[in-house]
C-alpha atoms as a PDB file:
ATOM      1  CA  UNK A   1      32.055-165.603-118.955  1.00  0.00           C
ATOM      2  CA  UNK A   2      34.868-165.466-121.406  1.00  0.00           C
ATOM      3  CA  UNK A   3      33.175-162.537-123.069  1.00  0.00           C
ATOM      4  CA  UNK A   4      33.035-160.568-119.877  1.00  0.00           C
ATOM      5  CA  UNK A   5      36.687-161.088-119.143  1.00  0.00           C
ATOM      6  CA  UNK A   6      37.566-160.077-122.653  1.00  0.00           C
ATOM      7  CA  UNK A   7      35.464-156.854-122.326  1.00  0.00           C
ATOM      8  CA  UNK A   8      37.013-155.707-119.059  1.00  0.00           C
ATOM      9  CA  UNK A   9      40.450-156.550-120.358  1.00  0.00           C
ATOM     10  CA  UNK A  10      39.855-154.285-123.351  1.00  0.00           C
ATOM     11  CA  UNK A  11      38.664-151.483-121.098  1.00  0.00           C
ATOM     12  CA  UNK A  12      41.739-151.681-118.926  1.00  0.00           C
ATOM     13  CA  UNK A  13      43.980-151.802-121.957  1.00  0.00           C
ATOM     14  CA  UNK A  14      42.300-148.696-123.402  1.00  0.00           C
ATOM     15  CA  UNK A  15      42.555-146.787-120.127  1.00  0.00           C
ATOM     16  CA  UNK A  16      46.243-147.549-119.905  1.00  0.00           C
ATOM     17  CA  UNK A  17      46.807-146.414-123.443  1.00  0.00           C
ATOM     18  CA  UNK A  18      44.942-143.163-122.753  1.00  0.00           C
ATOM     19  CA  UNK A  19      47.028-142.530-119.593  1.00  0.00           C
ATOM     20  CA  UNK A  20      50.333-142.936-121.469  1.00  0.00           C
ATOM     21  CA  UNK A  21      49.000-140.740-124.266  1.00  0.00           C
ATOM     22  CA  UNK A  22      48.136-137.905-121.883  1.00  0.00           C
ATOM     23  CA  UNK A  23      51.510-138.092-120.120  1.00  0.00           C
ATOM     24  CA  UNK A  24      53.318-137.822-123.436  1.00  0.00           C
ATOM     25  CA  UNK A  25      51.442-134.624-124.469  1.00  0.00           C
ATOM     26  CA  UNK A  26      53.188-131.189-123.737  1.00  0.00           C
ATOM     27  CA  UNK A  27      51.469-129.175-120.976  1.00  0.00           C
ATOM     28  CA  UNK A  28      51.285-125.332-121.034  1.00  0.00           C
ATOM     29  CA  UNK A  29      52.142-123.587-117.751  1.00  0.00           C
ATOM     30  CA  UNK A  30      49.377-121.610-115.963  1.00  0.00           C
ATOM     31  CA  UNK A  31      49.363-117.917-116.958  1.00  0.00           C
ATOM     32  CA  UNK A  32      51.013-115.621-114.416  1.00  0.00           C
ATOM     33  CA  UNK A  33      48.655-113.178-112.639  1.00  0.00           C
ATOM     34  CA  UNK A  34      48.671-109.643-114.049  1.00  0.00           C
ATOM     35  CA  UNK A  35      49.820-107.027-111.493  1.00  0.00           C
ATOM     36  CA  UNK A  36      48.924-103.364-112.197  1.00  0.00           C
ATOM     37  CA  UNK A  37      51.161-100.716-110.625  1.00  0.00           C
ATOM     38  CA  UNK A  38      49.468 -97.424-109.590  1.00  0.00           C
ATOM     39  CA  UNK A  39      51.683 -94.398-108.811  1.00  0.00           C
ATOM     40  CA  UNK A  40      50.269 -92.250-105.989  1.00  0.00           C
ATOM     41  CA  UNK A  41      51.809 -88.824-105.091  1.00  0.00           C
ATOM     42  CA  UNK A  42      53.493 -88.928-101.746  1.00  0.00           C
ATOM     43  CA  UNK A  43      51.792 -85.682-100.590  1.00  0.00           C
ATOM     44  CA  UNK A  44      48.371 -87.245-101.081  1.00  0.00           C
ATOM     45  CA  UNK A  45      49.036 -90.090 -98.685  1.00  0.00           C
ATOM     46  CA  UNK A  46      48.635 -89.342 -95.002  1.00  0.00           C
ATOM     47  CA  UNK A  47      51.069 -91.509 -93.105  1.00  0.00           C
ATOM     48  CA  UNK A  48      50.303 -91.622 -89.385  1.00  0.00           C
ATOM     49  CA  UNK A  49      53.324 -90.687 -87.331  1.00  0.00           C
ATOM     50  CA  UNK A  50      54.548 -93.086 -84.750  1.00  0.00           C
ATOM     51  CA  UNK A  51      53.703 -91.936 -81.235  1.00  0.00           C
ATOM     52  CA  UNK A  52      56.592 -89.957 -79.755  1.00  0.00           C
ATOM     53  CA  UNK A  53      58.129 -91.112 -76.548  1.00  0.00           C
ATOM     54  CA  UNK A  54      59.124 -89.008 -73.593  1.00  0.00           C
ATOM     55  CA  UNK A  55      62.581 -89.741 -72.319  1.00  0.00           C
ATOM     56  CA  UNK A  56      62.325 -91.939 -69.279  1.00  0.00           C
ATOM     57  CA  UNK A  57      58.570 -92.512 -69.733  1.00  0.00           C
ATOM     58  CA  UNK A  58      57.944 -95.236 -72.326  1.00  0.00           C
ATOM     59  CA  UNK A  59      54.709 -94.805 -74.179  1.00  0.00           C
ATOM     60  CA  UNK A  60      53.936 -91.338 -72.802  1.00  0.00           C
ATOM     61  CA  UNK A  61      53.063 -88.745 -75.500  1.00  0.00           C
ATOM     62  CA  UNK A  62      55.012 -85.505 -75.750  1.00  0.00           C
ATOM     63  CA  UNK A  63      52.886 -82.354 -75.403  1.00  0.00           C
ATOM     64  CA  UNK A  64      54.070 -79.703 -77.921  1.00  0.00           C
ATOM     65  CA  UNK A  65      55.134 -76.362 -76.415  1.00  0.00           C
ATOM     66  CA  UNK A  66      55.377 -73.099 -78.370  1.00  0.00           C
ATOM     67  CA  UNK A  67      58.591 -71.603 -76.991  1.00  0.00           C
ATOM     68  CA  UNK A  68      57.903 -68.311 -78.711  1.00  0.00           C
ATOM     69  CA  UNK A  69      55.110 -67.540 -76.232  1.00  0.00           C
ATOM     70  CA  UNK A  70      55.868 -69.815 -73.316  1.00  0.00           C
ATOM     71  CA  UNK A  71      56.543 -68.188 -69.970  1.00  0.00           C
ATOM     72  CA  UNK A  72      59.720 -69.538 -68.478  1.00  0.00           C
ATOM     73  CA  UNK A  73      59.442 -70.176 -64.742  1.00  0.00           C
ATOM     74  CA  UNK A  74      61.683 -68.289 -62.356  1.00  0.00           C
ATOM     75  CA  UNK A  75      63.703 -70.535 -60.114  1.00  0.00           C
ATOM     76  CA  UNK A  76      63.153 -70.075 -56.367  1.00  0.00           C
ATOM     77  CA  UNK A  77      65.340 -67.274 -55.121  1.00  0.00           C
ATOM     78  CA  UNK A  78      65.972 -65.880 -58.601  1.00  0.00           C
ATOM     79  CA  UNK A  79      65.316 -62.212 -59.220  1.00  0.00           C
ATOM     80  CA  UNK A  80      62.507 -61.215 -61.589  1.00  0.00           C
ATOM     81  CA  UNK A  81      63.122 -58.935 -64.538  1.00  0.00           C
ATOM     82  CA  UNK A  82      64.038 -55.415 -63.385  1.00  0.00           C
ATOM     83  CA  UNK A  83      61.331 -52.781 -63.455  1.00  0.00           C
ATOM     84  CA  UNK A  84      61.606 -49.918 -65.907  1.00  0.00           C
ATOM     85  CA  UNK A  85      61.883 -47.480 -63.007  1.00  0.00           C
ATOM     86  CA  UNK A  86      64.458 -47.836 -60.265  1.00  0.00           C
ATOM     87  CA  UNK A  87      62.924 -48.808 -56.893  1.00  0.00           C
ATOM     88  CA  UNK A  88      64.106 -45.597 -55.258  1.00  0.00           C
ATOM     89  CA  UNK A  89      62.846 -43.322 -58.043  1.00  0.00           C
ATOM     90  CA  UNK A  90      59.788 -41.233 -57.095  1.00  0.00           C
ATOM     91  CA  UNK A  91      56.516 -41.837 -58.898  1.00  0.00           C
ATOM     92  CA  UNK A  92      55.465 -39.298 -61.492  1.00  0.00           C
ATOM     93  CA  UNK A  93      53.287 -36.475 -60.127  1.00  0.00           C
ATOM     94  CA  UNK A  94      49.564 -36.984 -60.579  1.00  0.00           C
ATOM     95  CA  UNK A  95      47.447 -34.801 -62.816  1.00  0.00           C
ATOM     96  CA  UNK A  96      46.940 -31.590 -60.900  1.00  0.00           C
ATOM     97  CA  UNK A  97      43.822 -29.498 -60.425  1.00  0.00           C
ATOM     98  CA  UNK A  98      43.893 -26.034 -61.946  1.00  0.00           C
ATOM     99  CA  UNK A  99      44.507 -24.022 -58.757  1.00  0.00           C
ATOM    100  CA  UNK A 100      42.757 -20.715 -59.573  1.00  0.00           C
ATOM    101  CA  UNK A 101      39.040 -20.030 -59.657  1.00  0.00           C
ATOM    102  CA  UNK A 102      37.537 -18.976 -62.991  1.00  0.00           C
ATOM    103  CA  UNK A 103      40.606 -19.779 -65.120  1.00  0.00           C
ATOM    104  CA  UNK A 104      40.354 -22.090 -68.151  1.00  0.00           C
ATOM    105  CA  UNK A 105      43.096 -24.426 -69.314  1.00  0.00           C
ATOM    106  CA  UNK A 106      43.162 -22.669 -72.677  1.00  0.00           C
ATOM    107  CA  UNK A 107      44.208 -19.478 -70.894  1.00  0.00           C
ATOM    108  CA  UNK A 108      47.377 -20.967 -69.438  1.00  0.00           C
ATOM    109  CA  UNK A 109      50.769 -20.118 -70.894  1.00  0.00           C
ATOM    110  CA  UNK A 110      53.897 -22.214 -70.385  1.00  0.00           C
ATOM    111  CA  UNK A 111      56.435 -19.778 -68.965  1.00  0.00           C
ATOM    112  CA  UNK A 112      58.564 -22.357 -67.164  1.00  0.00           C
ATOM    113  CA  UNK A 113      61.723 -21.648 -69.199  1.00  0.00           C
ATOM    114  CA  UNK A 114      61.376 -17.882 -69.387  1.00  0.00           C
ATOM    115  CA  UNK A 115      64.596 -16.113 -68.291  1.00  0.00           C
ATOM    116  CA  UNK A 116      64.600 -14.118 -65.074  1.00  0.00           C
ATOM    117  CA  UNK A 117      67.719 -11.987 -65.177  1.00  0.00           C
ATOM    118  CA  UNK A 118      71.050 -13.376 -66.333  1.00  0.00           C
ATOM    119  CA  UNK A 119      71.459 -16.380 -64.085  1.00  0.00           C
ATOM    120  CA  UNK A 120      68.069 -18.022 -63.626  1.00  0.00           C
ATOM    121  CA  UNK A 121      64.782 -18.991 -65.245  1.00  0.00           C
ATOM    122  CA  UNK A 122      61.190 -18.624 -64.090  1.00  0.00           C
ATOM    123  CA  UNK A 123      60.737 -22.354 -63.298  1.00  0.00           C
ATOM    124  CA  UNK A 124      57.050 -21.820 -62.515  1.00  0.00           C
ATOM    125  CA  UNK A 125      53.741 -20.755 -64.044  1.00  0.00           C
ATOM    126  CA  UNK A 126      52.081 -17.372 -63.612  1.00  0.00           C
ATOM    127  CA  UNK A 127      48.317 -17.880 -63.654  1.00  0.00           C
ATOM    128  CA  UNK A 128      46.693 -14.514 -64.230  1.00  0.00           C
ATOM    129  CA  UNK A 129      43.431 -13.891 -62.365  1.00  0.00           C
ATOM    130  CA  UNK A 130      41.537 -11.087 -60.640  1.00  0.00           C
ATOM    131  CA  UNK A 131      42.717 -10.138 -57.175  1.00  0.00           C
ATOM    132  CA  UNK A 132      40.787 -12.078 -54.564  1.00  0.00           C
ATOM    133  CA  UNK A 133      40.090 -15.119 -56.793  1.00  0.00           C
ATOM    134  CA  UNK A 134      40.121 -18.377 -54.822  1.00  0.00           C
ATOM    135  CA  UNK A 135      43.242 -20.528 -54.825  1.00  0.00           C
ATOM    136  CA  UNK A 136      42.714 -24.301 -54.521  1.00  0.00           C
ATOM    137  CA  UNK A 137      44.976 -27.132 -53.395  1.00  0.00           C
ATOM    138  CA  UNK A 138      46.043 -28.899 -56.593  1.00  0.00           C
ATOM    139  CA  UNK A 139      46.095 -32.378 -54.986  1.00  0.00           C
ATOM    140  CA  UNK A 140      45.835 -34.200 -51.681  1.00  0.00           C
ATOM    141  CA  UNK A 141      48.695 -33.681 -49.263  1.00  0.00           C
ATOM    142  CA  UNK A 142      49.853 -31.730 -46.213  1.00  0.00           C
ATOM    143  CA  UNK A 143      50.417 -28.024 -45.720  1.00  0.00           C
ATOM    144  CA  UNK A 144      53.960 -27.849 -44.362  1.00  0.00           C
ATOM    145  CA  UNK A 145      54.789 -24.122 -44.377  1.00  0.00           C
ATOM    146  CA  UNK A 146      53.154 -20.675 -44.399  1.00  0.00           C
ATOM    147  CA  UNK A 147      55.847 -18.171 -45.285  1.00  0.00           C
ATOM    148  CA  UNK A 148      56.061 -14.458 -46.070  1.00  0.00           C
ATOM    149  CA  UNK A 149      59.055 -13.698 -48.280  1.00  0.00           C
ATOM    150  CA  UNK A 150      60.297 -10.573 -50.053  1.00  0.00           C
ATOM    151  CA  UNK A 151      60.110 -12.254 -53.448  1.00  0.00           C
ATOM    152  CA  UNK A 152      57.013 -14.439 -53.108  1.00  0.00           C
ATOM    153  CA  UNK A 153      54.980 -12.441 -50.599  1.00  0.00           C
ATOM    154  CA  UNK A 154      52.460 -14.612 -48.787  1.00  0.00           C
ATOM    155  CA  UNK A 155      53.250 -18.212 -49.773  1.00  0.00           C
ATOM    156  CA  UNK A 156      52.127 -21.764 -49.070  1.00  0.00           C
ATOM    157  CA  UNK A 157      54.249 -24.923 -49.363  1.00  0.00           C
ATOM    158  CA  UNK A 158      52.383 -28.226 -49.672  1.00  0.00           C
ATOM    159  CA  UNK A 159      53.828 -31.759 -49.783  1.00  0.00           C
ATOM    160  CA  UNK A 160      52.129 -34.554 -51.717  1.00  0.00           C
ATOM    161  CA  UNK A 161      51.141 -37.684 -49.721  1.00  0.00           C
ATOM    162  CA  UNK A 162      54.407 -39.467 -50.587  1.00  0.00           C
ATOM    163  CA  UNK A 163      56.522 -36.431 -49.656  1.00  0.00           C
ATOM    164  CA  UNK A 164      58.296 -36.752 -52.990  1.00  0.00           C
ATOM    165  CA  UNK A 165      56.998 -33.447 -54.360  1.00  0.00           C
ATOM    166  CA  UNK A 166      56.197 -29.971 -53.074  1.00  0.00           C
ATOM    167  CA  UNK A 167      53.646 -27.535 -54.483  1.00  0.00           C
ATOM    168  CA  UNK A 168      54.364 -23.833 -54.082  1.00  0.00           C
ATOM    169  CA  UNK A 169      51.733 -21.048 -54.152  1.00  0.00           C
ATOM    170  CA  UNK A 170      52.978 -17.432 -54.078  1.00  0.00           C
ATOM    171  CA  UNK A 171      51.854 -13.762 -54.243  1.00  0.00           C
ATOM    172  CA  UNK A 172      48.711 -14.550 -52.235  1.00  0.00           C
ATOM    173  CA  UNK A 173      46.603 -11.660 -51.038  1.00  0.00           C
ATOM    174  CA  UNK A 174      45.694 -13.594 -47.888  1.00  0.00           C
ATOM    175  CA  UNK A 175      45.285 -17.124 -46.550  1.00  0.00           C
ATOM    176  CA  UNK A 176      41.933 -18.868 -46.309  1.00  0.00           C
ATOM    177  CA  UNK A 177      40.361 -18.959 -42.866  1.00  0.00           C
ATOM    178  CA  UNK A 178      41.519 -21.868 -40.725  1.00  0.00           C
ATOM    179  CA  UNK A 179      44.635 -22.639 -42.789  1.00  0.00           C
ATOM    180  CA  UNK A 180      47.486 -23.761 -40.509  1.00  0.00           C
ATOM    181  CA  UNK A 181      50.820 -25.509 -40.864  1.00  0.00           C
ATOM    182  CA  UNK A 182      50.649 -29.295 -40.598  1.00  0.00           C
ATOM    183  CA  UNK A 183      47.010 -29.576 -41.642  1.00  0.00           C
ATOM    184  CA  UNK A 184      45.880 -32.190 -44.145  1.00  0.00           C
ATOM    185  CA  UNK A 185      44.722 -30.857 -47.495  1.00  0.00           C
ATOM    186  CA  UNK A 186      42.334 -32.383 -49.964  1.00  0.00           C
ATOM    187  CA  UNK A 187      42.319 -31.694 -53.670  1.00  0.00           C
ATOM    188  CA  UNK A 188      40.123 -28.624 -54.247  1.00  0.00           C
ATOM    189  CA  UNK A 189      40.350 -27.158 -50.716  1.00  0.00           C
ATOM    190  CA  UNK A 190      40.436 -23.347 -50.688  1.00  0.00           C
ATOM    191  CA  UNK A 191      43.801 -22.337 -49.220  1.00  0.00           C
ATOM    192  CA  UNK A 192      44.136 -18.650 -50.161  1.00  0.00           C
ATOM    193  CA  UNK A 193      43.312 -15.830 -52.570  1.00  0.00           C
ATOM    194  CA  UNK A 194      45.126 -14.326 -55.549  1.00  0.00           C
ATOM    195  CA  UNK A 195      47.072 -11.153 -54.760  1.00  0.00           C
ATOM    196  CA  UNK A 196      50.022  -8.970 -55.655  1.00  0.00           C
ATOM    197  CA  UNK A 197      52.251  -9.468 -52.608  1.00  0.00           C
ATOM    198  CA  UNK A 198      56.013  -9.851 -52.925  1.00  0.00           C
ATOM    199  CA  UNK A 199      57.617  -8.729 -56.176  1.00  0.00           C
ATOM    200  CA  UNK A 200      54.386  -9.018 -58.156  1.00  0.00           C
ATOM    201  CA  UNK A 201      53.378  -5.958 -60.231  1.00  0.00           C
ATOM    202  CA  UNK A 202      50.458  -4.164 -58.549  1.00  0.00           C
ATOM    203  CA  UNK A 203      48.460  -4.095 -61.787  1.00  0.00           C
ATOM    204  CA  UNK A 204      49.009  -7.797 -62.651  1.00  0.00           C
ATOM    205  CA  UNK A 205      47.536  -9.998 -59.911  1.00  0.00           C
ATOM    206  CA  UNK A 206      48.340 -13.659 -60.453  1.00  0.00           C
ATOM    207  CA  UNK A 207      49.248 -16.919 -58.722  1.00  0.00           C
ATOM    208  CA  UNK A 208      52.881 -17.953 -59.028  1.00  0.00           C
ATOM    209  CA  UNK A 209      52.660 -21.770 -58.959  1.00  0.00           C
ATOM    210  CA  UNK A 210      55.627 -24.164 -58.911  1.00  0.00           C
ATOM    211  CA  UNK A 211      56.338 -27.881 -58.441  1.00  0.00           C
ATOM    212  CA  UNK A 212      59.629 -29.287 -57.136  1.00  0.00           C
ATOM    213  CA  UNK A 213      60.940 -32.792 -56.574  1.00  0.00           C
ATOM    214  CA  UNK A 214      62.166 -32.857 -52.985  1.00  0.00           C
ATOM    215  CA  UNK A 215      65.575 -34.011 -51.841  1.00  0.00           C
ATOM    216  CA  UNK A 216      66.045 -36.799 -49.324  1.00  0.00           C
ATOM    217  CA  UNK A 217      66.112 -34.191 -46.531  1.00  0.00           C
ATOM    218  CA  UNK A 218      62.482 -33.177 -47.340  1.00  0.00           C
ATOM    219  CA  UNK A 219      63.220 -29.466 -46.916  1.00  0.00           C
ATOM    220  CA  UNK A 220      60.310 -27.343 -48.093  1.00  0.00           C
ATOM    221  CA  UNK A 221      62.567 -24.676 -49.618  1.00  0.00           C
ATOM    222  CA  UNK A 222      64.820 -27.060 -51.544  1.00  0.00           C
ATOM    223  CA  UNK A 223      64.266 -29.314 -54.578  1.00  0.00           C
ATOM    224  CA  UNK A 224      64.512 -29.811 -58.319  1.00  0.00           C
ATOM    225  CA  UNK A 225      61.999 -27.730 -60.324  1.00  0.00           C
ATOM    226  CA  UNK A 226      59.492 -29.604 -62.506  1.00  0.00           C
ATOM    227  CA  UNK A 227      57.418 -27.942 -65.200  1.00  0.00           C
ATOM    228  CA  UNK A 228      53.821 -27.894 -63.876  1.00  0.00           C
ATOM    229  CA  UNK A 229      52.287 -26.969 -67.239  1.00  0.00           C
ATOM    230  CA  UNK A 230      51.882 -30.563 -68.557  1.00  0.00           C
ATOM    231  CA  UNK A 231      50.665 -31.702 -65.132  1.00  0.00           C
ATOM    232  CA  UNK A 232      47.816 -29.188 -65.305  1.00  0.00           C
ATOM    233  CA  UNK A 233      46.925 -29.655 -68.975  1.00  0.00           C
ATOM    234  CA  UNK A 234      47.562 -33.365 -69.732  1.00  0.00           C
END
């Protein structure tokens, strides 16, 4: 029994000595973790943008608008952009039919600005053709006047459907059968025949053809001359 007590006493004494020995020994601190820094270019990192907010509507996304092509609305009652042509300006004359039978466009000559005496110009086209060649209405419209004048001989005055323009046919040999004032004309209708009446030279039959922009009074003998050459050849 004494032996046992002595043995355990020695064990306890040795354990205590070992404990004090360990406490007296210097202890090294734990090594700090190694942190590696990696530099990444800013341009290579895609940073999601925070969702934009619409004023007054929290959380609602803003829809982008390209103002360079956006159509701005017109407020009620506001005037639209003005047209390039004034509202009261007449429309441009339509392309006209060549009014003489058997004549080609290549045979026409622009004599609109040719002088006639000292104080005036021709302001028309002379379309040369054999006497008796058919004369056609150059466009739809209304025959407003059959007139026999010293200068133009047998003549026809036609208004276009808008009554903005008048077409003038002169030096006719005779009118077509059934032609009367006030009748409706269709493009291509035969209205007369080429002649040499009026001041036309007997050996040079032709159609004297003119276009005028009418005044507000719509008088068949009065208007501003317009060159018909581009209207026939455009």
